Each structure stands twice: as structure tokens, then as C-alpha cells.
Amino acid sequence: MLSFGVGTLFAYIFKTEKWRNLWNTRNALYCSAFVQEAYLAVGIDLAPNTTTTNTSPEHLYQTKVSHKAYLLKRA
């Protein structure tokens, strides 16, 4: 997983987020990348200028897709 993070860091520094993560290991995804992958499966692209493997929580936060946030309250 460390190499996956290095690849994402490289993409941010050199502004290559549109390209695939060169250090991606097989089937490795961040939580945010997994969310992006799930939404892509139903036709919604939350981070259109970023490859799935480079999707960060910040990309999801800044998405232009209309959404609602819910807060889970425990009893």
C-alpha cells in the first residue's frame, strides 16, 4: 500500500492526476477511490479530471455533483 500512496503523492506534485497511478498494486484502492469506483459503476463521475486510483477525499469533497450529507447519531 505504501507504493500506492507514493504514486498518488507523485500525481499531486507533478499534476498528473489524470494519468493512471504508475505505482498501483493489483486491486489496491483507497476508501475514496473505492467510493469513486462504486459511483462510476452506476454512471456518476465524482472526480471527472482524476483517475480512480488517484481519487482522494478532497476530490470527493469538492465534487460538483449535487449531494446531501447525513449525520449518524447513536442512541
PDB file of N, CA and C in Angstrom:
ATOM      1  N   MET A   1       0.827  -1.189   0.000  1.00  0.00           N
ATOM      2  CA  MET A   1       0.000   0.000   0.000  1.00  0.00           C
ATOM      3  C   MET A   1       0.869   1.249   0.000  1.00  0.00           C
ATOM      4  N   LEU A   2       2.082   1.153   0.518  1.00  0.00           N
ATOM      5  CA  LEU A   2       2.967   2.311   0.553  1.00  0.00           C
ATOM      6  C   LEU A   2       3.280   2.802  -0.854  1.00  0.00           C
ATOM      7  N   SER A   3       3.542   1.876  -1.771  1.00  0.00           N
ATOM      8  CA  SER A   3       3.851   2.293  -3.144  1.00  0.00           C
ATOM      9  C   SER A   3       2.655   2.986  -3.795  1.00  0.00           C
ATOM     10  N   PHE A   4       1.453   2.553  -3.451  1.00  0.00           N
ATOM     11  CA  PHE A   4       0.231   3.167  -3.972  1.00  0.00           C
ATOM     12  C   PHE A   4       0.158   4.622  -3.532  1.00  0.00           C
ATOM     13  N   GLY A   5       0.470   4.886  -2.263  1.00  0.00           N
ATOM     14  CA  GLY A   5       0.476   6.252  -1.738  1.00  0.00           C
ATOM     15  C   GLY A   5       1.544   7.108  -2.377  1.00  0.00           C
ATOM     16  N   VAL A   6       2.698   6.530  -2.642  1.00  0.00           N
ATOM     17  CA  VAL A   6       3.780   7.262  -3.307  1.00  0.00           C
ATOM     18  C   VAL A   6       3.341   7.669  -4.709  1.00  0.00           C
ATOM     19  N   GLY A   7       2.652   6.790  -5.399  1.00  0.00           N
ATOM     20  CA  GLY A   7       2.157   7.106  -6.736  1.00  0.00           C
ATOM     21  C   GLY A   7       1.160   8.248  -6.727  1.00  0.00           C
ATOM     22  N   THR A   8       0.277   8.270  -5.736  1.00  0.00           N
ATOM     23  CA  THR A   8      -0.695   9.358  -5.615  1.00  0.00           C
ATOM     24  C   THR A   8      -0.003  10.660  -5.256  1.00  0.00           C
ATOM     25  N   LEU A   9       0.959  10.610  -4.340  1.00  0.00           N
ATOM     26  CA  LEU A   9       1.732  11.804  -3.984  1.00  0.00           C
ATOM     27  C   LEU A   9       2.445  12.360  -5.214  1.00  0.00           C
ATOM     28  N   PHE A  10       3.044  11.492  -6.002  1.00  0.00           N
ATOM     29  CA  PHE A  10       3.708  11.891  -7.242  1.00  0.00           C
ATOM     30  C   PHE A  10       2.718  12.590  -8.176  1.00  0.00           C
ATOM     31  N   ALA A  11       1.513  12.035  -8.289  1.00  0.00           N
ATOM     32  CA  ALA A  11       0.488  12.621  -9.168  1.00  0.00           C
ATOM     33  C   ALA A  11       0.099  14.018  -8.716  1.00  0.00           C
ATOM     34  N   TYR A  12      -0.008  14.244  -7.418  1.00  0.00           N
ATOM     35  CA  TYR A  12      -0.356  15.570  -6.897  1.00  0.00           C
ATOM     36  C   TYR A  12       0.765  16.570  -7.130  1.00  0.00           C
ATOM     37  N   ILE A  13       1.986  16.161  -6.865  1.00  0.00           N
ATOM     38  CA  ILE A  13       3.131  17.070  -7.008  1.00  0.00           C
ATOM     39  C   ILE A  13       3.327  17.488  -8.455  1.00  0.00           C
ATOM     40  N   PHE A  14       3.244  16.532  -9.374  1.00  0.00           N
ATOM     41  CA  PHE A  14       3.522  16.807 -10.781  1.00  0.00           C
ATOM     42  C   PHE A  14       2.266  17.035 -11.621  1.00  0.00           C
ATOM     43  N   LYS A  15       1.114  17.186 -10.964  1.00  0.00           N
ATOM     44  CA  LYS A  15      -0.153  17.496 -11.649  1.00  0.00           C
ATOM     45  C   LYS A  15      -0.496  16.472 -12.732  1.00  0.00           C
ATOM     46  N   THR A  16      -0.313  15.204 -12.419  1.00  0.00           N
ATOM     47  CA  THR A  16      -0.621  14.132 -13.370  1.00  0.00           C
ATOM     48  C   THR A  16      -1.771  13.267 -12.867  1.00  0.00           C
ATOM     49  N   GLU A  17      -2.731  13.868 -12.160  1.00  0.00           N
ATOM     50  CA  GLU A  17      -3.843  13.113 -11.584  1.00  0.00           C
ATOM     51  C   GLU A  17      -4.709  12.436 -12.636  1.00  0.00           C
ATOM     52  N   LYS A  18      -4.689  12.967 -13.856  1.00  0.00           N
ATOM     53  CA  LYS A  18      -5.493  12.385 -14.936  1.00  0.00           C
ATOM     54  C   LYS A  18      -4.913  11.056 -15.411  1.00  0.00           C
ATOM     55  N   TRP A  19      -3.640  10.829 -15.155  1.00  0.00           N
ATOM     56  CA  TRP A  19      -2.970   9.608 -15.603  1.00  0.00           C
ATOM     57  C   TRP A  19      -3.166   8.513 -14.564  1.00  0.00           C
ATOM     58  N   ARG A  20      -2.969   7.290 -14.991  1.00  0.00           N
ATOM     59  CA  ARG A  20      -3.090   6.181 -14.045  1.00  0.00           C
ATOM     60  C   ARG A  20      -1.929   6.220 -13.054  1.00  0.00           C
ATOM     61  N   ASN A  21      -2.132   5.652 -11.901  1.00  0.00           N
ATOM     62  CA  ASN A  21      -1.112   5.599 -10.860  1.00  0.00           C
ATOM     63  C   ASN A  21      -0.067   4.556 -11.257  1.00  0.00           C
ATOM     64  N   LEU A  22       1.138   5.004 -11.549  1.00  0.00           N
ATOM     65  CA  LEU A  22       2.186   4.105 -12.030  1.00  0.00           C
ATOM     66  C   LEU A  22       2.653   3.114 -10.966  1.00  0.00           C
ATOM     67  N   TRP A  23       2.441   3.448  -9.707  1.00  0.00           N
ATOM     68  CA  TRP A  23       2.850   2.557  -8.617  1.00  0.00           C
ATOM     69  C   TRP A  23       1.684   1.778  -8.039  1.00  0.00           C
ATOM     70  N   ASN A  24       0.602   1.700  -8.779  1.00  0.00           N
ATOM     71  CA  ASN A  24      -0.588   0.997  -8.312  1.00  0.00           C
ATOM     72  C   ASN A  24      -0.308  -0.495  -8.215  1.00  0.00           C
ATOM     73  N   THR A  25      -0.635  -1.064  -7.075  1.00  0.00           N
ATOM     74  CA  THR A  25      -0.534  -2.508  -6.934  1.00  0.00           C
ATOM     75  C   THR A  25      -1.881  -3.113  -7.305  1.00  0.00           C
ATOM     76  N   ARG A  26      -1.890  -4.359  -7.616  1.00  0.00           N
ATOM     77  CA  ARG A  26      -3.106  -5.002  -8.109  1.00  0.00           C
ATOM     78  C   ARG A  26      -4.250  -4.898  -7.095  1.00  0.00           C
ATOM     79  N   ASN A  27      -5.365  -4.382  -7.545  1.00  0.00           N
ATOM     80  CA  ASN A  27      -6.597  -4.275  -6.759  1.00  0.00           C
ATOM     81  C   ASN A  27      -6.479  -3.430  -5.494  1.00  0.00           C
ATOM     82  N   ALA A  28      -5.500  -2.539  -5.413  1.00  0.00           N
ATOM     83  CA  ALA A  28      -5.364  -1.665  -4.246  1.00  0.00           C
ATOM     84  C   ALA A  28      -6.135  -0.374  -4.490  1.00  0.00           C
ATOM     85  N   LEU A  29      -6.968   0.017  -3.536  1.00  0.00           N
ATOM     86  CA  LEU A  29      -7.739   1.256  -3.634  1.00  0.00           C
ATOM     87  C   LEU A  29      -7.817   1.923  -2.268  1.00  0.00           C
ATOM     88  N   TYR A  30      -7.754   3.235  -2.264  1.00  0.00           N
ATOM     89  CA  TYR A  30      -8.078   3.995  -1.062  1.00  0.00           C
ATOM     90  C   TYR A  30      -9.584   3.914  -0.873  1.00  0.00           C
ATOM     91  N   CYS A  31     -10.055   4.284   0.305  1.00  0.00           N
ATOM     92  CA  CYS A  31     -11.509   4.327   0.542  1.00  0.00           C
ATOM     93  C   CYS A  31     -12.182   5.262  -0.459  1.00  0.00           C
ATOM     94  N   SER A  32     -11.581   6.428  -0.675  1.00  0.00           N
ATOM     95  CA  SER A  32     -12.169   7.402  -1.601  1.00  0.00           C
ATOM     96  C   SER A  32     -12.150   6.885  -3.037  1.00  0.00           C
ATOM     97  N   ALA A  33     -11.119   6.151  -3.399  1.00  0.00           N
ATOM     98  CA  ALA A  33     -11.063   5.568  -4.740  1.00  0.00           C
ATOM     99  C   ALA A  33     -12.127   4.483  -4.891  1.00  0.00           C
ATOM    100  N   PHE A  34     -12.381   3.748  -3.819  1.00  0.00           N
ATOM    101  CA  PHE A  34     -13.430   2.731  -3.844  1.00  0.00           C
ATOM    102  C   PHE A  34     -14.802   3.380  -4.030  1.00  0.00           C
ATOM    103  N   VAL A  35     -15.035   4.494  -3.334  1.00  0.00           N
ATOM    104  CA  VAL A  35     -16.293   5.232  -3.487  1.00  0.00           C
ATOM    105  C   VAL A  35     -16.444   5.708  -4.927  1.00  0.00           C
ATOM    106  N   GLN A  36     -15.365   6.255  -5.495  1.00  0.00           N
ATOM    107  CA  GLN A  36     -15.394   6.714  -6.887  1.00  0.00           C
ATOM    108  C   GLN A  36     -15.715   5.550  -7.824  1.00  0.00           C
ATOM    109  N   GLU A  37     -15.112   4.404  -7.581  1.00  0.00           N
ATOM    110  CA  GLU A  37     -15.344   3.217  -8.409  1.00  0.00           C
ATOM    111  C   GLU A  37     -16.809   2.778  -8.330  1.00  0.00           C
ATOM    112  N   ALA A  38     -17.385   2.821  -7.141  1.00  0.00           N
ATOM    113  CA  ALA A  38     -18.790   2.435  -6.965  1.00  0.00           C
ATOM    114  C   ALA A  38     -19.723   3.389  -7.714  1.00  0.00           C
ATOM    115  N   TYR A  39     -19.455   4.680  -7.615  1.00  0.00           N
ATOM    116  CA  TYR A  39     -20.301   5.651  -8.320  1.00  0.00           C
ATOM    117  C   TYR A  39     -20.121   5.557  -9.834  1.00  0.00           C
ATOM    118  N   LEU A  40     -18.903   5.279 -10.283  1.00  0.00           N
ATOM    119  CA  LEU A  40     -18.686   5.108 -11.721  1.00  0.00           C
ATOM    120  C   LEU A  40     -19.486   3.919 -12.254  1.00  0.00           C
ATOM    121  N   ALA A  41     -19.645   2.897 -11.434  1.00  0.00           N
ATOM    122  CA  ALA A  41     -20.394   1.705 -11.850  1.00  0.00           C
ATOM    123  C   ALA A  41     -21.853   2.027 -12.163  1.00  0.00           C
ATOM    124  N   VAL A  42     -22.386   3.089 -11.552  1.00  0.00           N
ATOM    125  CA  VAL A  42     -23.770   3.492 -11.836  1.00  0.00           C
ATOM    126  C   VAL A  42     -23.828   4.743 -12.706  1.00  0.00           C
ATOM    127  N   GLY A  43     -22.678   5.131 -13.267  1.00  0.00           N
ATOM    128  CA  GLY A  43     -22.657   6.219 -14.240  1.00  0.00           C
ATOM    129  C   GLY A  43     -22.455   7.614 -13.691  1.00  0.00           C
ATOM    130  N   ILE A  44     -21.997   7.741 -12.447  1.00  0.00           N
ATOM    131  CA  ILE A  44     -21.763   9.061 -11.850  1.00  0.00           C
ATOM    132  C   ILE A  44     -20.272   9.231 -11.595  1.00  0.00           C
ATOM    133  N   ASP A  45     -19.679  10.250 -12.206  1.00  0.00           N
ATOM    134  CA  ASP A  45     -18.250  10.523 -12.032  1.00  0.00           C
ATOM    135  C   ASP A  45     -18.083  11.672 -11.044  1.00  0.00           C
ATOM    136  N   LEU A  46     -17.634  11.359  -9.838  1.00  0.00           N
ATOM    137  CA  LEU A  46     -17.480  12.371  -8.791  1.00  0.00           C
ATOM    138  C   LEU A  46     -16.232  13.225  -8.968  1.00  0.00           C
ATOM    139  N   ALA A  47     -15.224  12.689  -9.631  1.00  0.00           N
ATOM    140  CA  ALA A  47     -13.967  13.412  -9.845  1.00  0.00           C
ATOM    141  C   ALA A  47     -13.568  13.261 -11.311  1.00  0.00           C
ATOM    142  N   PRO A  48     -14.196  14.021 -12.212  1.00  0.00           N
ATOM    143  CA  PRO A  48     -14.021  13.799 -13.647  1.00  0.00           C
ATOM    144  C   PRO A  48     -12.613  14.035 -14.186  1.00  0.00           C
ATOM    145  N   ASN A  49     -11.807  14.829 -13.531  1.00  0.00           N
ATOM    146  CA  ASN A  49     -10.460  15.106 -14.039  1.00  0.00           C
ATOM    147  C   ASN A  49      -9.388  14.305 -13.326  1.00  0.00           C
ATOM    148  N   THR A  50      -9.779  13.220 -12.678  1.00  0.00           N
ATOM    149  CA  THR A  50      -8.851  12.413 -11.904  1.00  0.00           C
ATOM    150  C   THR A  50      -9.113  10.938 -12.180  1.00  0.00           C
ATOM    151  N   THR A  51      -8.047  10.147 -12.307  1.00  0.00           N
ATOM    152  CA  THR A  51      -8.247   8.706 -12.460  1.00  0.00           C
ATOM    153  C   THR A  51      -8.739   8.132 -11.140  1.00  0.00           C
ATOM    154  N   THR A  52      -9.398   7.011 -11.201  1.00  0.00           N
ATOM    155  CA  THR A  52      -9.959   6.397  -9.998  1.00  0.00           C
ATOM    156  C   THR A  52      -8.888   6.136  -8.949  1.00  0.00           C
ATOM    157  N   THR A  53      -7.736   5.626  -9.351  1.00  0.00           N
ATOM    158  CA  THR A  53      -6.697   5.282  -8.380  1.00  0.00           C
ATOM    159  C   THR A  53      -6.056   6.495  -7.723  1.00  0.00           C
ATOM    160  N   ASN A  54      -6.251   7.672  -8.267  1.00  0.00           N
ATOM    161  CA  ASN A  54      -5.711   8.891  -7.654  1.00  0.00           C
ATOM    162  C   ASN A  54      -6.791   9.724  -6.967  1.00  0.00           C
ATOM    163  N   THR A  55      -7.997   9.196  -6.835  1.00  0.00           N
ATOM    164  CA  THR A  55      -9.084   9.929  -6.190  1.00  0.00           C
ATOM    165  C   THR A  55      -8.828  10.028  -4.691  1.00  0.00           C
ATOM    166  N   SER A  56      -8.861  11.239  -4.173  1.00  0.00           N
ATOM    167  CA  SER A  56      -8.633  11.470  -2.743  1.00  0.00           C
ATOM    168  C   SER A  56      -9.923  11.958  -2.086  1.00  0.00           C
ATOM    169  N   PRO A  57      -9.976  11.971  -0.759  1.00  0.00           N
ATOM    170  CA  PRO A  57     -11.149  12.529  -0.085  1.00  0.00           C
ATOM    171  C   PRO A  57     -11.422  13.976  -0.501  1.00  0.00           C
ATOM    172  N   GLU A  58     -10.381  14.729  -0.786  1.00  0.00           N
ATOM    173  CA  GLU A  58     -10.553  16.120  -1.210  1.00  0.00           C
ATOM    174  C   GLU A  58     -11.300  16.205  -2.538  1.00  0.00           C
ATOM    175  N   HIS A  59     -11.034  15.281  -3.453  1.00  0.00           N
ATOM    176  CA  HIS A  59     -11.762  15.254  -4.726  1.00  0.00           C
ATOM    177  C   HIS A  59     -13.255  15.023  -4.484  1.00  0.00           C
ATOM    178  N   LEU A  60     -13.572  14.126  -3.571  1.00  0.00           N
ATOM    179  CA  LEU A  60     -14.978  13.850  -3.269  1.00  0.00           C
ATOM    180  C   LEU A  60     -15.627  15.049  -2.593  1.00  0.00           C
ATOM    181  N   TYR A  61     -14.889  15.703  -1.723  1.00  0.00           N
ATOM    182  CA  TYR A  61     -15.408  16.880  -1.025  1.00  0.00           C
ATOM    183  C   TYR A  61     -15.715  18.013  -2.002  1.00  0.00           C
ATOM    184  N   GLN A  62     -14.873  18.172  -3.012  1.00  0.00           N
ATOM    185  CA  GLN A  62     -15.024  19.277  -3.962  1.00  0.00           C
ATOM    186  C   GLN A  62     -15.855  18.914  -5.189  1.00  0.00           C
ATOM    187  N   THR A  63     -16.493  17.768  -5.180  1.00  0.00           N
ATOM    188  CA  THR A  63     -17.268  17.350  -6.347  1.00  0.00           C
ATOM    189  C   THR A  63     -18.361  18.360  -6.687  1.00  0.00           C
ATOM    190  N   LYS A  64     -18.631  18.495  -7.957  1.00  0.00           N
ATOM    191  CA  LYS A  64     -19.690  19.382  -8.436  1.00  0.00           C
ATOM    192  C   LYS A  64     -21.039  18.663  -8.499  1.00  0.00           C
ATOM    193  N   VAL A  65     -21.034  17.360  -8.236  1.00  0.00           N
ATOM    194  CA  VAL A  65     -22.260  16.569  -8.256  1.00  0.00           C
ATOM    195  C   VAL A  65     -23.109  16.939  -7.037  1.00  0.00           C
ATOM    196  N   SER A  66     -24.370  17.221  -7.272  1.00  0.00           N
ATOM    197  CA  SER A  66     -25.283  17.572  -6.188  1.00  0.00           C
ATOM    198  C   SER A  66     -25.395  16.410  -5.203  1.00  0.00           C
ATOM    199  N   HIS A  67     -25.293  16.706  -3.913  1.00  0.00           N
ATOM    200  CA  HIS A  67     -25.359  15.646  -2.912  1.00  0.00           C
ATOM    201  C   HIS A  67     -25.835  16.187  -1.566  1.00  0.00           C
ATOM    202  N   LYS A  68     -26.224  15.274  -0.704  1.00  0.00           N
ATOM    203  CA  LYS A  68     -26.615  15.607   0.662  1.00  0.00           C
ATOM    204  C   LYS A  68     -25.700  14.856   1.614  1.00  0.00           C
ATOM    205  N   ALA A  69     -25.428  15.458   2.747  1.00  0.00           N
ATOM    206  CA  ALA A  69     -24.639  14.797   3.782  1.00  0.00           C
ATOM    207  C   ALA A  69     -25.569  14.411   4.928  1.00  0.00           C
ATOM    208  N   TYR A  70     -25.356  13.246   5.480  1.00  0.00           N
ATOM    209  CA  TYR A  70     -26.160  12.772   6.599  1.00  0.00           C
ATOM    210  C   TYR A  70     -25.254  12.508   7.787  1.00  0.00           C
ATOM    211  N   LEU A  71     -25.761  12.756   8.981  1.00  0.00           N
ATOM    212  CA  LEU A  71     -25.017  12.529  10.209  1.00  0.00           C
ATOM    213  C   LEU A  71     -25.672  11.384  10.962  1.00  0.00           C
ATOM    214  N   LEU A  72     -24.894  10.368  11.273  1.00  0.00           N
ATOM    215  CA  LEU A  72     -25.401   9.228  12.018  1.00  0.00           C
ATOM    216  C   LEU A  72     -25.290   9.536  13.505  1.00  0.00           C
ATOM    217  N   LYS A  73     -26.425   9.541  14.194  1.00  0.00           N
ATOM    218  CA  LYS A  73     -26.434   9.780  15.641  1.00  0.00           C
ATOM    219  C   LYS A  73     -26.714   8.463  16.347  1.00  0.00           C
ATOM    220  N   ARG A  74     -25.868   8.146  17.278  1.00  0.00           N
ATOM    221  CA  ARG A  74     -26.063   6.919  18.056  1.00  0.00           C
ATOM    222  C   ARG A  74     -26.951   7.203  19.253  1.00  0.00           C
ATOM    223  N   ALA A  75     -27.761   6.237  19.614  1.00  0.00           N
ATOM    224  CA  ALA A  75     -28.714   6.415  20.726  1.00  0.00           C
ATOM    225  C   ALA A  75     -28.035   6.482  22.075  1.00  0.00           C
TER     226      ALA A  75
END
